[in-house]
Amino acid sequence: MIDLLDNNGTAEYRKLAYDLKDKGITEDMYTAMLDKQLIGWREDRDMSKRIETLLDILFHTFF
């Protein structure tokens, strides 16, 4: 898994974002996967804010 404890994570998030893009994974596809893996995440206010931030980083920050 991604080791984000040794730094601020920017390099790891950038790498993950580019890997997703190279594989053709869209934000909608990634969100659908999260819906299957993290059932109910949208109803949890804290979790939904965290995931929305992650989606923003992965699909909007580096491109």
PDB file of N, CA and C in Angstrom:
ATOM      1  N   MET A   1       0.840  -1.182   0.000  1.00  0.00           N
ATOM      2  CA  MET A   1       0.000   0.000   0.000  1.00  0.00           C
ATOM      3  C   MET A   1       0.881   1.240   0.000  1.00  0.00           C
ATOM      4  N   ILE A   2       0.299   2.348  -0.220  1.00  0.00           N
ATOM      5  CA  ILE A   2       1.040   3.594  -0.307  1.00  0.00           C
ATOM      6  C   ILE A   2       1.547   3.993   1.068  1.00  0.00           C
ATOM      7  N   ASP A   3       2.847   4.295   1.155  1.00  0.00           N
ATOM      8  CA  ASP A   3       3.427   4.743   2.416  1.00  0.00           C
ATOM      9  C   ASP A   3       3.390   6.260   2.463  1.00  0.00           C
ATOM     10  N   LEU A   4       2.427   6.793   3.197  1.00  0.00           N
ATOM     11  CA  LEU A   4       2.269   8.246   3.273  1.00  0.00           C
ATOM     12  C   LEU A   4       2.783   8.812   4.585  1.00  0.00           C
ATOM     13  N   LEU A   5       3.359   7.976   5.436  1.00  0.00           N
ATOM     14  CA  LEU A   5       3.784   8.449   6.745  1.00  0.00           C
ATOM     15  C   LEU A   5       5.143   9.132   6.720  1.00  0.00           C
ATOM     16  N   ASP A   6       5.974   8.831   5.725  1.00  0.00           N
ATOM     17  CA  ASP A   6       7.318   9.388   5.684  1.00  0.00           C
ATOM     18  C   ASP A   6       7.386  10.764   5.040  1.00  0.00           C
ATOM     19  N   ASN A   7       6.348  11.187   4.380  1.00  0.00           N
ATOM     20  CA  ASN A   7       6.343  12.507   3.734  1.00  0.00           C
ATOM     21  C   ASN A   7       4.908  13.012   3.661  1.00  0.00           C
ATOM     22  N   ASN A   8       4.715  14.088   2.943  1.00  0.00           N
ATOM     23  CA  ASN A   8       3.353  14.626   2.864  1.00  0.00           C
ATOM     24  C   ASN A   8       2.483  13.875   1.866  1.00  0.00           C
ATOM     25  N   GLY A   9       3.049  12.897   1.177  1.00  0.00           N
ATOM     26  CA  GLY A   9       2.275  12.059   0.281  1.00  0.00           C
ATOM     27  C   GLY A   9       2.149  12.569  -1.140  1.00  0.00           C
ATOM     28  N   THR A  10       2.606  13.777  -1.416  1.00  0.00           N
ATOM     29  CA  THR A  10       2.394  14.357  -2.738  1.00  0.00           C
ATOM     30  C   THR A  10       2.951  13.478  -3.853  1.00  0.00           C
ATOM     31  N   ALA A  11       4.172  13.001  -3.692  1.00  0.00           N
ATOM     32  CA  ALA A  11       4.785  12.173  -4.739  1.00  0.00           C
ATOM     33  C   ALA A  11       4.006  10.874  -4.931  1.00  0.00           C
ATOM     34  N   GLU A  12       3.562  10.271  -3.829  1.00  0.00           N
ATOM     35  CA  GLU A  12       2.811   9.020  -3.925  1.00  0.00           C
ATOM     36  C   GLU A  12       1.441   9.235  -4.562  1.00  0.00           C
ATOM     37  N   TYR A  13       0.778  10.323  -4.180  1.00  0.00           N
ATOM     38  CA  TYR A  13      -0.521  10.630  -4.786  1.00  0.00           C
ATOM     39  C   TYR A  13      -0.363  10.924  -6.270  1.00  0.00           C
ATOM     40  N   ARG A  14       0.690  11.646  -6.639  1.00  0.00           N
ATOM     41  CA  ARG A  14       0.939  11.943  -8.053  1.00  0.00           C
ATOM     42  C   ARG A  14       1.147  10.642  -8.826  1.00  0.00           C
ATOM     43  N   LYS A  15       1.953   9.740  -8.276  1.00  0.00           N
ATOM     44  CA  LYS A  15       2.207   8.460  -8.936  1.00  0.00           C
ATOM     45  C   LYS A  15       0.902   7.678  -9.104  1.00  0.00           C
ATOM     46  N   LEU A  16       0.099   7.627  -8.046  1.00  0.00           N
ATOM     47  CA  LEU A  16      -1.180   6.917  -8.129  1.00  0.00           C
ATOM     48  C   LEU A  16      -2.090   7.560  -9.169  1.00  0.00           C
ATOM     49  N   ALA A  17      -2.139   8.882  -9.196  1.00  0.00           N
ATOM     50  CA  ALA A  17      -2.980   9.590 -10.168  1.00  0.00           C
ATOM     51  C   ALA A  17      -2.557   9.258 -11.591  1.00  0.00           C
ATOM     52  N   TYR A  18      -1.252   9.285 -11.858  1.00  0.00           N
ATOM     53  CA  TYR A  18      -0.774   8.973 -13.208  1.00  0.00           C
ATOM     54  C   TYR A  18      -1.004   7.501 -13.555  1.00  0.00           C
ATOM     55  N   ASP A  19      -0.858   6.612 -12.576  1.00  0.00           N
ATOM     56  CA  ASP A  19      -1.138   5.190 -12.823  1.00  0.00           C
ATOM     57  C   ASP A  19      -2.606   4.990 -13.198  1.00  0.00           C
ATOM     58  N   LEU A  20      -3.498   5.656 -12.478  1.00  0.00           N
ATOM     59  CA  LEU A  20      -4.926   5.545 -12.801  1.00  0.00           C
ATOM     60  C   LEU A  20      -5.212   6.081 -14.197  1.00  0.00           C
ATOM     61  N   LYS A  21      -4.611   7.224 -14.513  1.00  0.00           N
ATOM     62  CA  LYS A  21      -4.827   7.812 -15.834  1.00  0.00           C
ATOM     63  C   LYS A  21      -4.297   6.892 -16.932  1.00  0.00           C
ATOM     64  N   ASP A  22      -3.088   6.336 -16.718  1.00  0.00           N
ATOM     65  CA  ASP A  22      -2.497   5.432 -17.710  1.00  0.00           C
ATOM     66  C   ASP A  22      -3.354   4.190 -17.941  1.00  0.00           C
ATOM     67  N   LYS A  23      -4.034   3.736 -16.903  1.00  0.00           N
ATOM     68  CA  LYS A  23      -4.892   2.565 -17.014  1.00  0.00           C
ATOM     69  C   LYS A  23      -6.279   2.911 -17.550  1.00  0.00           C
ATOM     70  N   GLY A  24      -6.538   4.207 -17.743  1.00  0.00           N
ATOM     71  CA  GLY A  24      -7.820   4.641 -18.283  1.00  0.00           C
ATOM     72  C   GLY A  24      -8.944   4.660 -17.256  1.00  0.00           C
ATOM     73  N   ILE A  25      -8.587   4.683 -15.988  1.00  0.00           N
ATOM     74  CA  ILE A  25      -9.603   4.693 -14.938  1.00  0.00           C
ATOM     75  C   ILE A  25     -10.089   6.122 -14.724  1.00  0.00           C
ATOM     76  N   THR A  26     -11.384   6.306 -14.847  1.00  0.00           N
ATOM     77  CA  THR A  26     -11.980   7.629 -14.689  1.00  0.00           C
ATOM     78  C   THR A  26     -12.441   7.820 -13.240  1.00  0.00           C
ATOM     79  N   GLU A  27     -12.780   9.051 -12.924  1.00  0.00           N
ATOM     80  CA  GLU A  27     -13.288   9.348 -11.591  1.00  0.00           C
ATOM     81  C   GLU A  27     -14.576   8.568 -11.322  1.00  0.00           C
ATOM     82  N   ASP A  28     -15.436   8.462 -12.313  1.00  0.00           N
ATOM     83  CA  ASP A  28     -16.684   7.708 -12.141  1.00  0.00           C
ATOM     84  C   ASP A  28     -16.407   6.227 -11.871  1.00  0.00           C
ATOM     85  N   MET A  29     -15.444   5.673 -12.573  1.00  0.00           N
ATOM     86  CA  MET A  29     -15.086   4.272 -12.367  1.00  0.00           C
ATOM     87  C   MET A  29     -14.513   4.064 -10.968  1.00  0.00           C
ATOM     88  N   TYR A  30     -13.644   4.976 -10.539  1.00  0.00           N
ATOM     89  CA  TYR A  30     -13.026   4.883  -9.220  1.00  0.00           C
ATOM     90  C   TYR A  30     -14.089   5.029  -8.128  1.00  0.00           C
ATOM     91  N   THR A  31     -15.019   5.959  -8.332  1.00  0.00           N
ATOM     92  CA  THR A  31     -16.100   6.161  -7.363  1.00  0.00           C
ATOM     93  C   THR A  31     -16.979   4.921  -7.277  1.00  0.00           C
ATOM     94  N   ALA A  32     -17.257   4.294  -8.407  1.00  0.00           N
ATOM     95  CA  ALA A  32     -18.059   3.065  -8.414  1.00  0.00           C
ATOM     96  C   ALA A  32     -17.356   1.957  -7.635  1.00  0.00           C
ATOM     97  N   MET A  33     -16.033   1.865  -7.779  1.00  0.00           N
ATOM     98  CA  MET A  33     -15.269   0.878  -7.026  1.00  0.00           C
ATOM     99  C   MET A  33     -15.363   1.169  -5.529  1.00  0.00           C
ATOM    100  N   LEU A  34     -15.250   2.461  -5.171  1.00  0.00           N
ATOM    101  CA  LEU A  34     -15.365   2.830  -3.754  1.00  0.00           C
ATOM    102  C   LEU A  34     -16.751   2.494  -3.216  1.00  0.00           C
ATOM    103  N   ASP A  35     -17.777   2.707  -4.023  1.00  0.00           N
ATOM    104  CA  ASP A  35     -19.143   2.375  -3.608  1.00  0.00           C
ATOM    105  C   ASP A  35     -19.278   0.894  -3.269  1.00  0.00           C
ATOM    106  N   LYS A  36     -18.575   0.050  -4.020  1.00  0.00           N
ATOM    107  CA  LYS A  36     -18.630  -1.393  -3.781  1.00  0.00           C
ATOM    108  C   LYS A  36     -17.791  -1.801  -2.572  1.00  0.00           C
ATOM    109  N   GLN A  37     -16.646  -1.143  -2.402  1.00  0.00           N
ATOM    110  CA  GLN A  37     -15.730  -1.520  -1.330  1.00  0.00           C
ATOM    111  C   GLN A  37     -16.063  -0.871   0.011  1.00  0.00           C
ATOM    112  N   LEU A  38     -16.542   0.354  -0.023  1.00  0.00           N
ATOM    113  CA  LEU A  38     -16.815   1.120   1.198  1.00  0.00           C
ATOM    114  C   LEU A  38     -18.302   1.461   1.277  1.00  0.00           C
ATOM    115  N   ILE A  39     -19.094   0.442   1.420  1.00  0.00           N
ATOM    116  CA  ILE A  39     -20.551   0.611   1.424  1.00  0.00           C
ATOM    117  C   ILE A  39     -20.955   1.617   2.512  1.00  0.00           C
ATOM    118  N   GLY A  40     -21.732   2.600   2.110  1.00  0.00           N
ATOM    119  CA  GLY A  40     -22.230   3.593   3.045  1.00  0.00           C
ATOM    120  C   GLY A  40     -21.316   4.787   3.274  1.00  0.00           C
ATOM    121  N   TRP A  41     -20.226   4.879   2.519  1.00  0.00           N
ATOM    122  CA  TRP A  41     -19.283   5.972   2.763  1.00  0.00           C
ATOM    123  C   TRP A  41     -19.914   7.335   2.526  1.00  0.00           C
ATOM    124  N   ARG A  42     -20.882   7.401   1.638  1.00  0.00           N
ATOM    125  CA  ARG A  42     -21.520   8.689   1.328  1.00  0.00           C
ATOM    126  C   ARG A  42     -22.377   9.204   2.490  1.00  0.00           C
ATOM    127  N   GLU A  43     -22.864   8.292   3.329  1.00  0.00           N
ATOM    128  CA  GLU A  43     -23.704   8.692   4.454  1.00  0.00           C
ATOM    129  C   GLU A  43     -22.883   9.156   5.664  1.00  0.00           C
ATOM    130  N   ASP A  44     -21.622   8.812   5.689  1.00  0.00           N
ATOM    131  CA  ASP A  44     -20.739   9.213   6.787  1.00  0.00           C
ATOM    132  C   ASP A  44     -20.086  10.546   6.413  1.00  0.00           C
ATOM    133  N   ARG A  45     -20.432  11.600   7.126  1.00  0.00           N
ATOM    134  CA  ARG A  45     -19.986  12.947   6.762  1.00  0.00           C
ATOM    135  C   ARG A  45     -18.458  13.064   6.719  1.00  0.00           C
ATOM    136  N   ASP A  46     -17.787  12.533   7.739  1.00  0.00           N
ATOM    137  CA  ASP A  46     -16.329  12.614   7.785  1.00  0.00           C
ATOM    138  C   ASP A  46     -15.704  11.808   6.643  1.00  0.00           C
ATOM    139  N   MET A  47     -16.171  10.580   6.471  1.00  0.00           N
ATOM    140  CA  MET A  47     -15.618   9.724   5.424  1.00  0.00           C
ATOM    141  C   MET A  47     -15.885  10.312   4.046  1.00  0.00           C
ATOM    142  N   SER A  48     -17.064  10.852   3.804  1.00  0.00           N
ATOM    143  CA  SER A  48     -17.375  11.393   2.484  1.00  0.00           C
ATOM    144  C   SER A  48     -16.497  12.606   2.175  1.00  0.00           C
ATOM    145  N   LYS A  49     -16.230  13.435   3.169  1.00  0.00           N
ATOM    146  CA  LYS A  49     -15.345  14.585   2.939  1.00  0.00           C
ATOM    147  C   LYS A  49     -13.934  14.122   2.615  1.00  0.00           C
ATOM    148  N   ARG A  50     -13.464  13.108   3.323  1.00  0.00           N
ATOM    149  CA  ARG A  50     -12.117  12.568   3.064  1.00  0.00           C
ATOM    150  C   ARG A  50     -12.023  11.980   1.662  1.00  0.00           C
ATOM    151  N   ILE A  51     -13.025  11.216   1.278  1.00  0.00           N
ATOM    152  CA  ILE A  51     -13.002  10.583  -0.040  1.00  0.00           C
ATOM    153  C   ILE A  51     -13.167  11.623  -1.138  1.00  0.00           C
ATOM    154  N   GLU A  52     -14.010  12.611  -0.930  1.00  0.00           N
ATOM    155  CA  GLU A  52     -14.145  13.679  -1.929  1.00  0.00           C
ATOM    156  C   GLU A  52     -12.822  14.418  -2.108  1.00  0.00           C
ATOM    157  N   THR A  53     -12.088  14.606  -1.023  1.00  0.00           N
ATOM    158  CA  THR A  53     -10.770  15.240  -1.116  1.00  0.00           C
ATOM    159  C   THR A  53      -9.804  14.347  -1.879  1.00  0.00           C
ATOM    160  N   LEU A  54      -9.831  13.057  -1.595  1.00  0.00           N
ATOM    161  CA  LEU A  54      -8.988  12.103  -2.317  1.00  0.00           C
ATOM    162  C   LEU A  54      -9.302  12.122  -3.808  1.00  0.00           C
ATOM    163  N   LEU A  55     -10.589  12.109  -4.145  1.00  0.00           N
ATOM    164  CA  LEU A  55     -10.977  12.146  -5.557  1.00  0.00           C
ATOM    165  C   LEU A  55     -10.494  13.428  -6.225  1.00  0.00           C
ATOM    166  N   ASP A  56     -10.599  14.522  -5.506  1.00  0.00           N
ATOM    167  CA  ASP A  56     -10.134  15.799  -6.043  1.00  0.00           C
ATOM    168  C   ASP A  56      -8.631  15.758  -6.300  1.00  0.00           C
ATOM    169  N   ILE A  57      -7.888  15.208  -5.370  1.00  0.00           N
ATOM    170  CA  ILE A  57      -6.439  15.088  -5.535  1.00  0.00           C
ATOM    171  C   ILE A  57      -6.100  14.191  -6.720  1.00  0.00           C
ATOM    172  N   LEU A  58      -6.706  13.026  -6.770  1.00  0.00           N
ATOM    173  CA  LEU A  58      -6.349  12.046  -7.796  1.00  0.00           C
ATOM    174  C   LEU A  58      -6.786  12.430  -9.200  1.00  0.00           C
ATOM    175  N   PHE A  59      -7.913  13.112  -9.323  1.00  0.00           N
ATOM    176  CA  PHE A  59      -8.449  13.347 -10.661  1.00  0.00           C
ATOM    177  C   PHE A  59      -8.433  14.802 -11.101  1.00  0.00           C
ATOM    178  N   HIS A  60      -8.068  15.714 -10.207  1.00  0.00           N
ATOM    179  CA  HIS A  60      -8.113  17.123 -10.598  1.00  0.00           C
ATOM    180  C   HIS A  60      -6.840  17.914 -10.283  1.00  0.00           C
ATOM    181  N   THR A  61      -6.044  17.449  -9.348  1.00  0.00           N
ATOM    182  CA  THR A  61      -4.884  18.221  -8.919  1.00  0.00           C
ATOM    183  C   THR A  61      -3.735  18.164  -9.909  1.00  0.00           C
ATOM    184  N   PHE A  62      -3.452  16.999 -10.444  1.00  0.00           N
ATOM    185  CA  PHE A  62      -2.254  16.825 -11.272  1.00  0.00           C
ATOM    186  C   PHE A  62      -2.507  16.965 -12.765  1.00  0.00           C
ATOM    187  N   PHE A  63      -3.760  17.172 -13.164  1.00  0.00           N
ATOM    188  CA  PHE A  63      -4.075  17.241 -14.595  1.00  0.00           C
ATOM    189  C   PHE A  63      -4.788  18.527 -14.925  1.00  0.00           C
TER     190      PHE A  63
END
